[in-house]
């Protein structure tokens, strides 16, 4: 069972909304290579509001993700793409429902 997670809210700069959407869609392949990331979602709430939600079995997986390629790329482009710094919230997972691997 997953035990910890991240919720990261992103506000795109005006005119950069589709670039943020493309960045997030492209990040999926990087996250797929992270063995400690159990679940990862990039979502869009409205024209300029996006979020990433991911879950991990342990804090080590979460820390590896936070120091991984997606986080580094996001921070490298934050000034160009985002209207404000990413709002990163850590949390404990109380329950989950994930597909079982066969």
Protein backbone atom coordinates (compact mmCIF):
# COMPACT_ATOMS: atom_id res chain seq x y z
CA UNK A 1 0.00 0.00 0.00
CA UNK A 2 1.13 3.52 -0.67
CA UNK A 3 1.96 5.49 2.44
CA UNK A 4 2.91 9.00 1.29
CA UNK A 5 2.04 11.34 -1.57
CA UNK A 6 2.58 14.72 -3.17
CA UNK A 7 0.15 17.28 -4.50
CA UNK A 8 1.72 20.04 -6.59
CA UNK A 9 -0.44 22.88 -7.89
CA UNK A 10 0.81 24.83 -10.89
CA UNK A 11 -0.50 28.13 -12.28
CA UNK A 12 0.58 28.77 -15.86
CA UNK A 13 1.59 32.23 -17.02
CA UNK A 14 -0.83 33.84 -19.44
CA UNK A 15 -0.02 32.55 -22.90
CA UNK A 16 1.99 29.58 -21.56
CA UNK A 17 -0.93 27.29 -20.73
CA UNK A 18 -0.44 24.88 -23.63
CA UNK A 19 3.30 24.72 -22.98
CA UNK A 20 2.60 23.67 -19.38
CA UNK A 21 0.12 21.06 -20.62
CA UNK A 22 2.69 19.72 -23.09
CA UNK A 23 5.41 19.68 -20.42
CA UNK A 24 3.22 17.64 -18.09
CA UNK A 25 2.17 15.20 -20.81
CA UNK A 26 5.81 14.73 -21.79
CA UNK A 27 6.88 14.12 -18.20
CA UNK A 28 5.00 10.81 -18.09
CA UNK A 29 7.88 8.94 -19.75
CA UNK A 30 10.34 10.26 -17.15
CA UNK A 31 8.08 9.25 -14.27
CA UNK A 32 7.61 5.79 -15.78
CA UNK A 33 11.32 5.19 -15.17
CA UNK A 34 11.00 5.94 -11.43
CA UNK A 35 10.56 2.64 -9.58
CA UNK A 36 9.51 4.38 -6.36
CA UNK A 37 6.62 6.29 -7.95
CA UNK A 38 3.60 4.01 -7.63
CA UNK A 39 0.96 6.35 -9.08
CA UNK A 40 1.34 9.63 -10.96
CA UNK A 41 -1.29 11.94 -12.42
CA UNK A 42 -0.96 15.25 -14.24
CA UNK A 43 -4.29 17.06 -14.39
CA UNK A 44 -5.79 20.30 -15.63
CA UNK A 45 -8.56 22.08 -13.73
CA UNK A 46 -9.11 25.08 -15.97
CA UNK A 47 -7.24 27.08 -18.63
CA UNK A 48 -4.29 27.94 -16.40
CA UNK A 49 -4.51 25.68 -13.32
CA UNK A 50 -2.73 22.33 -13.34
CA UNK A 51 -1.65 19.84 -10.72
CA UNK A 52 0.46 16.76 -10.25
CA UNK A 53 -0.57 14.08 -7.80
CA UNK A 54 1.67 11.14 -7.08
CA UNK A 55 1.89 8.39 -4.50
CA UNK A 56 4.74 6.33 -3.10
CA UNK A 57 5.18 3.30 -0.88
CA UNK A 58 7.62 5.16 1.35
CA UNK A 59 9.31 8.49 1.99
CA UNK A 60 12.43 7.34 0.13
CA UNK A 61 10.39 7.01 -3.08
CA UNK A 62 8.91 10.45 -2.56
CA UNK A 63 12.32 12.01 -1.94
CA UNK A 64 13.75 10.28 -5.03
CA UNK A 65 10.93 11.75 -7.10
CA UNK A 66 11.44 15.24 -5.65
CA UNK A 67 15.12 15.08 -6.63
CA UNK A 68 14.42 13.41 -9.99
CA UNK A 69 14.31 14.56 -13.59
CA UNK A 70 10.72 15.86 -13.64
CA UNK A 71 11.23 18.10 -10.61
CA UNK A 72 14.54 19.36 -12.00
CA UNK A 73 13.00 20.14 -15.40
CA UNK A 74 9.99 21.83 -13.82
CA UNK A 75 12.14 24.05 -11.65
CA UNK A 76 14.45 24.86 -14.59
CA UNK A 77 11.45 26.16 -16.57
CA UNK A 78 9.34 27.55 -13.71
CA UNK A 79 10.21 31.21 -14.31
CA UNK A 80 9.38 30.87 -18.00
CA UNK A 81 6.14 28.86 -17.66
CA UNK A 82 4.59 29.53 -14.26
CA UNK A 83 2.88 32.59 -12.80
CA UNK A 84 3.93 31.56 -9.27
CA UNK A 85 6.21 29.03 -7.64
CA UNK A 86 4.78 25.49 -7.59
CA UNK A 87 2.79 24.84 -4.42
CA UNK A 88 4.13 21.50 -3.15
CA UNK A 89 2.18 19.71 -0.43
CA UNK A 90 3.26 16.41 1.11
CA UNK A 91 0.75 14.09 2.71
CA UNK A 92 0.25 10.71 4.29
CA UNK A 93 -1.96 8.27 2.40
CA UNK A 94 -4.78 6.94 4.56
CA UNK A 95 -6.13 4.46 2.00
CA UNK A 96 -5.74 3.66 -1.67
CA UNK A 97 -7.20 1.59 -4.47
CA UNK A 98 -4.72 0.77 -7.19
CA UNK A 99 -4.76 -1.93 -9.87
CA UNK A 100 -2.91 -5.07 -8.91
CA UNK A 101 -0.04 -6.14 -11.13
CA UNK A 102 -0.31 -9.60 -12.59
